[in-house]
Structure formats: C-alpha cells, structure tokens
C-alpha cells in the first residue's frame, strides 16, 4: 500500500482551515507523501525488546524553585486593563 497515493490534500487542508493554491497543494502533497513513506519504512524496523519512550533522551524537571515572592502592585497590574472595578479587571459576561 502506498499511503501517499491515498492522500487527499484538499481534505487535509480543509481540516487545517488552510486555503492553498494549486502549487502549494502539489508541494505539500509531495511533502506529506514523503513523511508517510518514511513512517511506512519505520514500521519495518524490528523493535523487539525496545522499551517505548516519549523522548529520545532523558528529560528532567527544569523549572525554577517554587519560592513565594511579592507580586505586582495592584496599580501596575491594572495599568493596561480596558475596564476595572474594585481593584479587578472587568470582562464581558460569557456564561448565562
């Protein structure tokens, strides 16, 4: 089976909400076909005994320490708010 031959680039573009020219459709169809062809090649690799992983190398927590510190003064936090009341930002009601 050739996954590239089954590729409907117009359908994919519609799902992605993209308006593509004919030249872009040809270019992206070729690129997506190459990707699908590569995935088919990867399916042929024997991975018996290989543990599944999310990353190729170990990932460690790189966040800074969670230390409490003073926040912005209210005046600074509200400086660019379009509307404010009682030291809060006023936003349109979105739930009935």
N, C-alpha and C. Protein backbone atom coordinates (compact mmCIF):
# COMPACT_ATOMS: atom_id res chain seq x y z
N UNK A 1 0.84 -1.19 0.00
CA UNK A 1 0.00 0.00 0.00
C UNK A 1 0.88 1.24 0.00
N UNK A 2 0.56 2.18 -0.81
CA UNK A 2 1.28 3.44 -0.87
C UNK A 2 0.42 4.52 -0.22
N UNK A 3 0.76 4.97 1.02
CA UNK A 3 -0.08 5.95 1.71
C UNK A 3 -0.14 7.29 0.99
N UNK A 4 0.89 7.60 0.22
CA UNK A 4 0.90 8.89 -0.48
C UNK A 4 -0.16 8.92 -1.58
N UNK A 5 -0.45 7.75 -2.18
CA UNK A 5 -1.44 7.73 -3.26
C UNK A 5 -2.85 7.93 -2.71
N UNK A 6 -3.08 7.60 -1.44
CA UNK A 6 -4.39 7.76 -0.82
C UNK A 6 -4.56 9.14 -0.19
N UNK A 7 -3.56 9.98 -0.29
CA UNK A 7 -3.57 11.29 0.37
C UNK A 7 -4.49 12.26 -0.35
N UNK A 8 -5.46 12.80 0.38
CA UNK A 8 -6.38 13.80 -0.16
C UNK A 8 -5.98 15.14 0.43
N UNK A 9 -5.11 15.86 -0.26
CA UNK A 9 -4.56 17.11 0.27
C UNK A 9 -5.63 18.17 0.47
N UNK A 10 -6.65 18.17 -0.36
CA UNK A 10 -7.72 19.16 -0.19
C UNK A 10 -8.48 18.92 1.11
N UNK A 11 -8.70 17.65 1.46
CA UNK A 11 -9.38 17.31 2.71
C UNK A 11 -8.51 17.71 3.91
N UNK A 12 -7.22 17.41 3.82
CA UNK A 12 -6.30 17.77 4.91
C UNK A 12 -6.25 19.29 5.06
N UNK A 13 -6.18 20.02 3.97
CA UNK A 13 -6.15 21.49 4.02
C UNK A 13 -7.45 22.02 4.62
N UNK A 14 -8.57 21.41 4.27
CA UNK A 14 -9.86 21.83 4.84
C UNK A 14 -9.87 21.63 6.35
N UNK A 15 -9.38 20.48 6.82
CA UNK A 15 -9.33 20.21 8.25
C UNK A 15 -8.44 21.22 8.98
N UNK A 16 -7.36 21.64 8.32
CA UNK A 16 -6.43 22.59 8.92
C UNK A 16 -6.86 24.03 8.68
N UNK A 17 -8.00 24.22 8.01
CA UNK A 17 -8.52 25.56 7.70
C UNK A 17 -7.49 26.36 6.90
N UNK A 18 -6.90 25.72 5.89
CA UNK A 18 -5.91 26.37 5.03
C UNK A 18 -6.46 26.54 3.63
N UNK A 19 -6.25 27.71 3.07
CA UNK A 19 -6.60 27.96 1.67
C UNK A 19 -5.30 27.85 0.88
N UNK A 20 -5.16 26.77 0.11
CA UNK A 20 -3.91 26.52 -0.62
C UNK A 20 -4.08 26.75 -2.11
N UNK A 21 -3.04 27.28 -2.71
CA UNK A 21 -3.02 27.40 -4.17
C UNK A 21 -2.73 26.02 -4.75
N UNK A 22 -2.90 25.88 -6.06
CA UNK A 22 -2.61 24.60 -6.70
C UNK A 22 -1.14 24.21 -6.53
N UNK A 23 -0.25 25.20 -6.62
CA UNK A 23 1.19 24.93 -6.45
C UNK A 23 1.47 24.46 -5.02
N UNK A 24 0.82 25.09 -4.04
CA UNK A 24 1.02 24.69 -2.65
C UNK A 24 0.46 23.29 -2.41
N UNK A 25 -0.67 22.98 -3.02
CA UNK A 25 -1.25 21.64 -2.87
C UNK A 25 -0.29 20.57 -3.39
N UNK A 26 0.32 20.83 -4.55
CA UNK A 26 1.28 19.87 -5.10
C UNK A 26 2.50 19.73 -4.19
N UNK A 27 3.01 20.86 -3.73
CA UNK A 27 4.20 20.85 -2.87
C UNK A 27 3.92 20.12 -1.56
N UNK A 28 2.82 20.47 -0.89
CA UNK A 28 2.52 19.87 0.40
C UNK A 28 2.10 18.41 0.26
N UNK A 29 1.43 18.06 -0.83
CA UNK A 29 1.08 16.66 -1.06
C UNK A 29 2.34 15.82 -1.19
N UNK A 30 3.33 16.34 -1.90
CA UNK A 30 4.61 15.64 -2.06
C UNK A 30 5.31 15.51 -0.70
N UNK A 31 5.32 16.60 0.09
CA UNK A 31 5.99 16.57 1.40
C UNK A 31 5.28 15.61 2.36
N UNK A 32 3.95 15.67 2.41
CA UNK A 32 3.21 14.76 3.29
C UNK A 32 3.38 13.31 2.83
N UNK A 33 3.41 13.11 1.52
CA UNK A 33 3.65 11.77 1.00
C UNK A 33 5.01 11.24 1.43
N UNK A 34 6.03 12.10 1.40
CA UNK A 34 7.37 11.70 1.85
C UNK A 34 7.35 11.32 3.33
N UNK A 35 6.62 12.08 4.13
CA UNK A 35 6.53 11.78 5.57
C UNK A 35 5.85 10.43 5.78
N UNK A 36 4.73 10.22 5.08
CA UNK A 36 4.02 8.94 5.22
C UNK A 36 4.86 7.77 4.73
N UNK A 37 5.63 7.98 3.67
CA UNK A 37 6.52 6.95 3.17
C UNK A 37 7.57 6.60 4.22
N UNK A 38 8.10 7.62 4.91
CA UNK A 38 9.11 7.39 5.95
C UNK A 38 8.50 6.62 7.12
N UNK A 39 7.26 6.95 7.49
CA UNK A 39 6.59 6.23 8.57
C UNK A 39 6.42 4.75 8.19
N UNK A 40 6.10 4.49 6.94
CA UNK A 40 5.98 3.10 6.49
C UNK A 40 7.33 2.39 6.62
N UNK A 41 8.44 3.08 6.31
CA UNK A 41 9.76 2.48 6.46
C UNK A 41 10.04 2.19 7.93
N UNK A 42 9.64 3.10 8.83
CA UNK A 42 9.87 2.89 10.25
C UNK A 42 9.11 1.68 10.78
N UNK A 43 7.96 1.38 10.19
CA UNK A 43 7.18 0.22 10.62
C UNK A 43 7.92 -1.09 10.35
N UNK A 44 8.90 -1.08 9.45
CA UNK A 44 9.65 -2.28 9.11
C UNK A 44 10.78 -2.57 10.10
N UNK A 45 11.10 -1.64 10.97
CA UNK A 45 12.20 -1.80 11.90
C UNK A 45 11.79 -2.75 13.03
N UNK A 46 12.67 -3.69 13.36
CA UNK A 46 12.40 -4.62 14.46
C UNK A 46 12.69 -3.91 15.78
N UNK A 47 11.66 -3.71 16.58
CA UNK A 47 11.82 -3.02 17.86
C UNK A 47 11.57 -3.97 19.03
N UNK A 48 11.73 -5.25 18.77
CA UNK A 48 11.56 -6.24 19.83
C UNK A 48 12.55 -5.94 20.96
N UNK A 49 12.04 -5.84 22.17
CA UNK A 49 12.91 -5.59 23.32
C UNK A 49 13.24 -4.13 23.55
N UNK A 50 12.73 -3.24 22.72
CA UNK A 50 13.00 -1.81 22.90
C UNK A 50 11.84 -1.21 23.69
N UNK A 51 12.18 -0.60 24.81
CA UNK A 51 11.14 -0.02 25.67
C UNK A 51 10.60 1.27 25.05
N UNK A 52 9.28 1.42 24.96
CA UNK A 52 8.70 2.65 24.42
C UNK A 52 9.08 3.85 25.30
N UNK A 53 9.28 4.99 24.66
CA UNK A 53 9.62 6.19 25.41
C UNK A 53 9.03 7.40 24.71
N UNK A 54 8.85 8.49 25.46
CA UNK A 54 8.29 9.71 24.90
C UNK A 54 9.38 10.60 24.32
N UNK A 55 10.61 10.46 24.81
CA UNK A 55 11.72 11.32 24.36
C UNK A 55 12.94 10.46 24.08
N UNK A 56 13.77 10.90 23.17
CA UNK A 56 14.96 10.15 22.80
C UNK A 56 16.04 10.24 23.88
N UNK A 57 16.00 11.27 24.69
CA UNK A 57 16.96 11.42 25.78
C UNK A 57 16.20 11.73 27.07
N UNK A 58 16.83 11.48 28.21
CA UNK A 58 16.13 11.72 29.48
C UNK A 58 15.72 13.18 29.63
N UNK A 59 14.55 13.38 30.19
CA UNK A 59 14.05 14.73 30.42
C UNK A 59 13.93 14.93 31.93
N UNK A 60 14.49 16.02 32.39
CA UNK A 60 14.45 16.33 33.81
C UNK A 60 13.68 17.62 34.02
N UNK A 61 13.14 17.77 35.20
CA UNK A 61 12.40 18.98 35.54
C UNK A 61 13.38 20.16 35.52
N UNK A 62 13.10 21.13 34.68
CA UNK A 62 13.99 22.28 34.55
C UNK A 62 13.36 23.56 35.11
N UNK A 63 12.27 23.40 35.85
CA UNK A 63 11.60 24.56 36.41
C UNK A 63 12.42 25.14 37.56
N UNK A 64 12.29 26.44 37.74
CA UNK A 64 12.93 27.10 38.88
C UNK A 64 12.21 26.68 40.16
N UNK A 65 12.88 26.85 41.26
CA UNK A 65 12.27 26.51 42.55
C UNK A 65 11.02 27.36 42.78
N UNK A 66 10.01 26.75 43.37
CA UNK A 66 8.75 27.44 43.63
C UNK A 66 8.88 28.20 44.95
N UNK A 67 9.30 29.45 44.83
CA UNK A 67 9.53 30.29 46.01
C UNK A 67 8.57 31.46 45.97
N UNK A 68 7.88 31.69 47.09
CA UNK A 68 6.94 32.81 47.16
C UNK A 68 7.73 34.13 47.16
N UNK A 69 7.25 35.08 46.36
CA UNK A 69 7.85 36.41 46.35
C UNK A 69 6.76 37.42 46.04
N UNK A 70 7.02 38.67 46.35
CA UNK A 70 5.97 39.68 46.15
C UNK A 70 5.55 39.79 44.68
N UNK A 71 4.26 40.02 44.47
CA UNK A 71 3.74 40.19 43.12
C UNK A 71 3.72 41.65 42.73
N UNK A 72 3.03 41.93 41.62
CA UNK A 72 2.92 43.31 41.15
C UNK A 72 2.01 44.11 42.08
N UNK A 73 2.29 45.40 42.23
CA UNK A 73 1.31 46.24 42.92
C UNK A 73 0.03 46.30 42.09
N UNK A 74 -1.10 46.46 42.73
CA UNK A 74 -2.39 46.47 42.05
C UNK A 74 -2.41 47.49 40.92
N UNK A 75 -1.87 48.66 41.16
CA UNK A 75 -1.88 49.72 40.15
C UNK A 75 -1.13 49.29 38.89
N UNK A 76 -0.01 48.62 39.06
CA UNK A 76 0.77 48.16 37.91
C UNK A 76 0.04 47.04 37.16
N UNK A 77 -0.58 46.13 37.91
CA UNK A 77 -1.28 45.01 37.28
C UNK A 77 -2.48 45.48 36.48
N UNK A 78 -3.13 46.55 36.92
CA UNK A 78 -4.34 47.04 36.25
C UNK A 78 -4.08 48.17 35.26
N UNK A 79 -2.83 48.56 35.11
CA UNK A 79 -2.48 49.73 34.29
C UNK A 79 -3.05 49.64 32.88
N UNK A 80 -2.99 48.48 32.23
CA UNK A 80 -3.44 48.34 30.84
C UNK A 80 -4.82 47.69 30.71
N UNK A 81 -5.50 47.49 31.82
CA UNK A 81 -6.83 46.87 31.76
C UNK A 81 -7.81 47.83 31.10
N UNK A 82 -8.59 47.35 30.14
CA UNK A 82 -9.54 48.24 29.46
C UNK A 82 -10.63 48.75 30.40
N UNK A 83 -11.00 47.93 31.40
CA UNK A 83 -12.01 48.35 32.38
C UNK A 83 -11.67 47.71 33.71
N UNK A 84 -11.89 48.43 34.79
CA UNK A 84 -11.60 47.89 36.11
C UNK A 84 -12.61 48.41 37.13
N UNK A 85 -12.79 47.61 38.18
CA UNK A 85 -13.69 47.97 39.25
C UNK A 85 -13.23 47.26 40.51
N UNK A 86 -13.16 47.95 41.62
CA UNK A 86 -12.78 47.38 42.92
C UNK A 86 -11.48 46.58 42.84
N UNK A 87 -10.48 47.14 42.19
CA UNK A 87 -9.16 46.51 42.04
C UNK A 87 -9.21 45.19 41.28
N UNK A 88 -10.15 45.07 40.33
CA UNK A 88 -10.26 43.86 39.49
C UNK A 88 -10.48 44.29 38.04
N UNK A 89 -10.10 43.42 37.13
CA UNK A 89 -10.33 43.65 35.70
C UNK A 89 -11.77 43.28 35.38
N UNK A 90 -12.49 44.14 34.70
CA UNK A 90 -13.87 43.88 34.30
C UNK A 90 -13.85 43.30 32.89
N UNK A 91 -14.51 42.13 32.74
CA UNK A 91 -14.58 41.46 31.44
C UNK A 91 -16.04 41.22 31.09
N UNK A 92 -16.34 41.04 29.80
CA UNK A 92 -17.73 40.75 29.41
C UNK A 92 -18.19 39.41 29.99
N UNK A 93 -19.45 39.32 30.32
CA UNK A 93 -20.04 38.08 30.84
C UNK A 93 -20.11 37.07 29.69
N UNK A 94 -19.61 35.85 29.93
CA UNK A 94 -19.61 34.83 28.90
C UNK A 94 -20.47 33.64 29.25
N UNK A 95 -20.99 33.57 30.46
CA UNK A 95 -21.84 32.47 30.89
C UNK A 95 -23.15 33.04 31.37
N UNK A 96 -24.23 32.43 30.92
CA UNK A 96 -25.56 32.88 31.37
C UNK A 96 -25.91 32.26 32.69
